[in-house]
C-alpha cells in the first residue's frame, strides 16, 4: 500500500491511497490542478482513480471537486447527509449527481479488492466520517476534523499500518492568538478540532508493533507550527513505544505541498 498526502491543513485537504490496481482519493479540498499534479507526480493518471471519498462538506475538503469531476467522472462516496449538503451548496449546478453514492458507517464498501469503512466523528458538519481502507493485508486510516473521539473511533482506526491524525492547534497559540473568543471556543469544543496534545492522546491508544507511519494532519496556519506539532508527537511517541520494532515515522503533512510517498 502507498500513501501520499497531496495537501493537509485548514486551507485544503486531499490524500491519495494506492494498493495494487486500486487508487482512492480522500477529499478534494484543493484545486483540481493541484489534485492532478499531485497524482501525476507519482505516476498516477487521474482518470485511473477508482473512488473519491469525502469526509464532510466543508470547502477545505471539497473545493476542487466540481472541476475534477467535470473532467474525470470519478465516483464519489460520502454519507447521505454530506452528499446532500454538497449538492445544496452547488447553486451553479456543476456537480453530476449520478456520480454520488451514499455510504453507511458500519457497512463495508468494496472498491475492487479494497475494503472501505467509515465511522461517524464529532465535528460541526453534516454527518462527517473518518475512513479506513484495508487491502492486501495492510490498513490505512485517516481521522481529521474531530473535536473529540470515543472508543468507536479508536476501534475504527486500530490496527492501521499508517495513520493520518489531526494535530490542528497548539492550545497556547490559540488562546493568545487573534481569533475572536467564540471561534476559539468552537475550535476547542467537542465539535471542533484536535489539539497537538489531543492528537498525542489518540495516537497512544492506537500504537501497535506493526504501525509504521503517522502523518500529523490538518495543522492550522494561524494556531500551530509544524515544529510544535512534530515535537509534541515525538515526545509522546517515544515515551509510549514499548515494542522491539523501531518507532513509527512521524511526518508532518503540509497545506502547500505534497508529502513524499510512503509504502508499507
Protein backbone atom coordinates (compact mmCIF):
# COMPACT_ATOMS: atom_id res chain seq x y z
CA UNK A 1 0.00 0.00 0.00
CA UNK A 2 1.18 3.53 -0.84
CA UNK A 3 0.03 6.83 0.66
CA UNK A 4 0.64 10.45 -0.26
CA UNK A 5 -0.89 13.50 1.41
CA UNK A 6 -1.33 15.89 -1.50
CA UNK A 7 -2.36 18.64 0.92
CA UNK A 8 -3.40 18.80 4.55
CA UNK A 9 -4.38 21.86 6.54
CA UNK A 10 -7.15 24.29 7.33
CA UNK A 11 -6.93 25.64 3.77
CA UNK A 12 -7.19 22.35 1.89
CA UNK A 13 -7.04 18.57 2.22
CA UNK A 14 -6.51 15.63 -0.12
CA UNK A 15 -4.86 12.22 0.37
CA UNK A 16 -4.21 9.50 -2.19
CA UNK A 17 -4.06 5.80 -1.29
CA UNK A 18 -3.00 3.07 -3.70
CA UNK A 19 -2.86 -0.69 -3.31
CA UNK A 20 -2.20 -2.79 -6.39
CA UNK A 21 -4.59 -1.61 -9.08
CA UNK A 22 -6.85 0.26 -6.64
CA UNK A 23 -6.48 4.03 -6.38
CA UNK A 24 -8.54 6.05 -3.91
CA UNK A 25 -8.58 9.78 -3.31
CA UNK A 26 -9.79 11.01 0.06
CA UNK A 27 -11.18 14.56 -0.11
CA UNK A 28 -10.69 17.17 -2.83
CA UNK A 29 -10.13 20.34 -0.85
CA UNK A 30 -7.57 21.94 -3.16
CA UNK A 31 -7.81 22.98 -6.80
CA UNK A 32 -8.29 20.30 -9.43
CA UNK A 33 -4.90 21.32 -10.84
CA UNK A 34 -3.19 20.55 -7.54
CA UNK A 35 -5.01 17.23 -7.33
CA UNK A 36 -3.92 16.30 -10.84
CA UNK A 37 -0.34 17.48 -10.30
CA UNK A 38 -0.12 15.52 -7.06
CA UNK A 39 -1.24 12.35 -8.82
CA UNK A 40 0.85 12.75 -11.97
CA UNK A 41 3.98 13.39 -9.92
CA UNK A 42 3.80 9.83 -8.61
CA UNK A 43 2.86 8.29 -11.95
CA UNK A 44 -0.90 8.04 -11.38
CA UNK A 45 -3.22 9.09 -14.20
CA UNK A 46 -6.17 11.00 -12.71
CA UNK A 47 -8.68 9.05 -14.82
CA UNK A 48 -7.47 5.83 -13.16
CA UNK A 49 -8.69 6.88 -9.69
CA UNK A 50 -11.39 4.40 -8.69
CA UNK A 51 -13.16 6.40 -5.99
CA UNK A 52 -13.22 9.75 -4.27
CA UNK A 53 -14.17 9.57 -0.60
CA UNK A 54 -15.45 12.75 1.05
CA UNK A 55 -15.14 13.10 4.82
CA UNK A 56 -17.51 16.09 5.02
CA UNK A 57 -18.80 19.02 3.01
CA UNK A 58 -16.62 21.90 4.21
CA UNK A 59 -14.82 23.67 1.38
CA UNK A 60 -11.33 22.77 2.60
CA UNK A 61 -12.35 19.18 1.72
CA UNK A 62 -14.41 19.81 -1.42
CA UNK A 63 -13.08 22.95 -3.18
CA UNK A 64 -11.70 21.10 -6.21
CA UNK A 65 -14.49 18.56 -6.51
CA UNK A 66 -16.63 20.11 -9.26
CA UNK A 67 -13.77 20.83 -11.66
CA UNK A 68 -12.15 17.44 -11.06
CA UNK A 69 -15.42 15.58 -11.69
CA UNK A 70 -16.19 17.57 -14.81
CA UNK A 71 -13.14 16.06 -16.48
CA UNK A 72 -12.61 12.69 -14.79
CA UNK A 73 -16.11 11.47 -13.75
CA UNK A 74 -14.80 9.67 -10.67
CA UNK A 75 -17.44 8.03 -8.42
CA UNK A 76 -17.88 9.99 -5.19
CA UNK A 77 -18.74 8.46 -1.83
CA UNK A 78 -19.84 10.04 1.43
CA UNK A 79 -22.63 9.88 3.95
CA UNK A 80 -26.05 10.76 2.59
CA UNK A 81 -26.10 13.94 4.66
CA UNK A 82 -22.65 15.01 3.47
CA UNK A 83 -23.53 14.49 -0.17
CA UNK A 84 -26.82 16.35 0.22
CA UNK A 85 -25.01 19.28 1.81
CA UNK A 86 -22.56 19.37 -1.11
CA UNK A 87 -25.38 19.32 -3.64
CA UNK A 88 -27.31 22.08 -1.84
CA UNK A 89 -24.19 24.28 -1.93
CA UNK A 90 -23.81 23.63 -5.69
CA UNK A 91 -26.01 26.54 -6.78
CA UNK A 92 -24.37 26.65 -10.21
CA UNK A 93 -25.35 23.04 -10.87
CA UNK A 94 -21.81 21.96 -11.72
CA UNK A 95 -21.85 18.65 -9.89
CA UNK A 96 -23.13 15.48 -11.62
CA UNK A 97 -25.47 13.82 -9.08
CA UNK A 98 -25.23 10.46 -10.87
CA UNK A 99 -21.65 10.15 -9.62
CA UNK A 100 -22.68 10.48 -5.97
CA UNK A 101 -23.12 7.33 -3.85
CA UNK A 102 -24.05 7.35 -0.18
CA UNK A 103 -22.29 5.12 2.32
CA UNK A 104 -23.42 3.83 5.69
CA UNK A 105 -20.91 3.78 8.56
CA UNK A 106 -20.65 0.25 9.90
CA UNK A 107 -21.08 -1.32 6.45
CA UNK A 108 -18.07 -2.23 4.32
CA UNK A 109 -17.84 -0.75 0.84
CA UNK A 110 -15.85 -2.80 -1.69
CA UNK A 111 -13.88 -0.95 -4.37
CA UNK A 112 -12.26 -3.75 -6.38
CA UNK A 113 -10.43 -5.69 -3.64
CA UNK A 114 -10.23 -2.81 -1.17
CA UNK A 115 -12.48 -2.81 1.90
CA UNK A 116 -13.53 0.70 2.86
CA UNK A 117 -15.24 1.50 6.14
CA UNK A 118 -16.43 4.77 7.63
CA UNK A 119 -17.06 5.89 11.18
CA UNK A 120 -19.03 8.90 12.38
CA UNK A 121 -16.89 11.59 14.02
CA UNK A 122 -17.68 14.67 16.11
CA UNK A 123 -17.45 17.84 14.01
CA UNK A 124 -19.79 20.68 13.08
CA UNK A 125 -20.69 19.27 9.68
CA UNK A 126 -23.37 17.06 8.12
CA UNK A 127 -22.60 13.56 9.45
CA UNK A 128 -18.81 13.67 8.91
CA UNK A 129 -16.73 10.50 9.00
CA UNK A 130 -13.26 9.06 9.28
CA UNK A 131 -12.18 6.39 6.79
CA UNK A 132 -10.22 3.15 6.92
CA UNK A 133 -9.02 1.20 3.89
CA UNK A 134 -7.92 -2.44 4.10
CA UNK A 135 -6.30 -4.08 1.09
CA UNK A 136 -3.60 -6.68 0.55
CA UNK A 137 -3.21 -7.34 4.25
CA UNK A 138 -2.49 -3.65 5.01
CA UNK A 139 -4.62 -0.97 6.65
CA UNK A 140 -4.64 2.80 6.27
CA UNK A 141 -6.86 5.11 8.34
CA UNK A 142 -7.48 8.84 8.45
CA UNK A 143 -9.20 10.98 11.10
CA UNK A 144 -9.17 14.77 10.93
CA UNK A 145 -11.74 17.43 11.81
CA UNK A 146 -12.93 15.91 15.05
CA UNK A 147 -13.39 17.78 18.28
CA UNK A 148 -13.28 14.64 20.39
CA UNK A 149 -13.17 10.87 19.97
CA UNK A 150 -14.55 7.79 21.68
CA UNK A 151 -13.97 4.05 21.75
CA UNK A 152 -15.87 3.59 18.49
CA UNK A 153 -13.45 5.90 16.68
CA UNK A 154 -10.46 4.22 18.32
CA UNK A 155 -11.71 0.80 17.27
CA UNK A 156 -12.24 2.01 13.70
CA UNK A 157 -8.67 3.33 13.46
CA UNK A 158 -7.00 0.48 15.37
CA UNK A 159 -4.59 -1.87 13.64
CA UNK A 160 -3.61 0.59 10.91
CA UNK A 161 -0.13 0.36 9.42
CA UNK A 162 -0.30 4.06 8.54
CA UNK A 163 -2.42 6.83 10.04
CA UNK A 164 -3.31 10.42 9.33
CA UNK A 165 -4.30 12.06 12.63
CA UNK A 166 -5.40 15.62 13.20
CA UNK A 167 -2.97 17.87 15.06
CA UNK A 168 -4.76 21.13 14.37
CA UNK A 169 -3.67 23.62 17.00
CA UNK A 170 -1.31 24.39 19.84
CA UNK A 171 -3.50 25.37 22.75
CA UNK A 172 -1.30 28.25 23.93
CA UNK A 173 -1.02 29.71 20.44
CA UNK A 174 -4.78 29.56 20.01
CA UNK A 175 -5.55 31.14 23.37
CA UNK A 176 -3.25 34.13 22.88
CA UNK A 177 -3.91 34.46 19.15
CA UNK A 178 -6.12 36.95 17.28
CA UNK A 179 -9.19 34.75 16.78
CA UNK A 180 -12.41 36.01 18.42
CA UNK A 181 -13.48 34.21 21.58
CA UNK A 182 -16.41 32.37 20.00
CA UNK A 183 -14.19 30.94 17.26
CA UNK A 184 -11.59 29.82 19.82
CA UNK A 185 -14.38 28.17 21.79
CA UNK A 186 -15.65 26.41 18.66
CA UNK A 187 -12.19 25.09 17.74
CA UNK A 188 -11.57 23.75 21.25
CA UNK A 189 -15.08 22.33 21.60
CA UNK A 190 -16.30 18.79 21.09
CA UNK A 191 -17.38 19.61 17.53
CA UNK A 192 -14.17 21.43 16.60
CA UNK A 193 -10.64 20.12 16.18
CA UNK A 194 -7.95 18.16 18.00
CA UNK A 195 -5.02 19.96 19.58
CA UNK A 196 -1.44 18.69 19.49
CA UNK A 197 -1.98 17.23 22.97
CA UNK A 198 -5.27 15.61 21.93
CA UNK A 199 -3.54 14.10 18.92
CA UNK A 200 -0.90 12.59 21.19
CA UNK A 201 -3.52 11.01 23.42
CA UNK A 202 -5.33 9.48 20.44
CA UNK A 203 -2.03 8.29 18.99
CA UNK A 204 -1.11 6.46 22.20
CA UNK A 205 -4.36 4.50 22.07
CA UNK A 206 -3.53 3.35 18.52
CA UNK A 207 0.07 2.21 18.93
CA UNK A 208 0.91 -1.35 17.96
CA UNK A 209 4.02 -3.11 16.72
CA UNK A 210 3.09 -3.03 13.01
CA UNK A 211 2.35 0.71 12.89
CA UNK A 212 4.89 2.22 10.50
CA UNK A 213 3.83 5.78 9.65
CA UNK A 214 1.93 8.56 11.42
CA UNK A 215 1.05 11.67 9.44
CA UNK A 216 0.19 14.75 11.50
CA UNK A 217 -2.53 16.46 9.52
CA UNK A 218 -4.84 19.46 9.27
CA UNK A 219 -2.45 21.88 11.01
CA UNK A 220 -3.81 25.38 11.47
CA UNK A 221 -1.81 28.09 9.73
CA UNK A 222 -2.57 30.61 12.47
CA UNK A 223 -2.59 28.44 15.59
CA UNK A 224 0.15 25.86 15.13
CA UNK A 225 3.64 25.33 13.81
CA UNK A 226 4.96 22.16 12.14
CA UNK A 227 7.81 22.11 14.65
CA UNK A 228 5.43 22.27 17.61
CA UNK A 229 3.18 19.52 16.27
CA UNK A 230 6.13 17.28 15.46
CA UNK A 231 7.90 17.74 18.79
CA UNK A 232 4.73 17.18 20.77
CA UNK A 233 4.05 13.93 18.91
CA UNK A 234 7.68 12.80 19.03
CA UNK A 235 7.94 13.14 22.80
CA UNK A 236 4.65 11.32 23.34
CA UNK A 237 5.55 8.56 20.89
CA UNK A 238 8.97 7.88 22.38
CA UNK A 239 7.53 7.76 25.91
CA UNK A 240 4.88 5.24 24.94
CA UNK A 241 6.57 2.99 22.36
CA UNK A 242 7.29 -0.33 24.08
CA UNK A 243 7.91 -2.64 21.13
CA UNK A 244 11.12 -4.12 19.74
CA UNK A 245 10.36 -2.69 16.30
CA UNK A 246 11.51 0.87 15.53
CA UNK A 247 9.12 3.73 16.32
CA UNK A 248 6.75 4.69 13.52
CA UNK A 249 7.99 7.51 11.33
CA UNK A 250 6.34 10.84 12.06
CA UNK A 251 5.54 13.02 9.05
CA UNK A 252 4.03 16.50 9.25
CA UNK A 253 1.69 16.93 6.28
CA UNK A 254 1.74 20.38 4.68
CA UNK A 255 -1.01 22.55 3.22
CA UNK A 256 1.18 23.91 0.43
CA UNK A 257 2.99 20.89 -1.00
CA UNK A 258 2.62 17.09 -1.03
CA UNK A 259 4.45 14.67 1.21
CA UNK A 260 6.72 12.01 -0.20
CA UNK A 261 5.05 8.69 -0.93
CA UNK A 262 5.27 6.14 1.87
CA UNK A 263 4.94 2.43 1.19
CA UNK A 264 4.16 -0.33 3.66
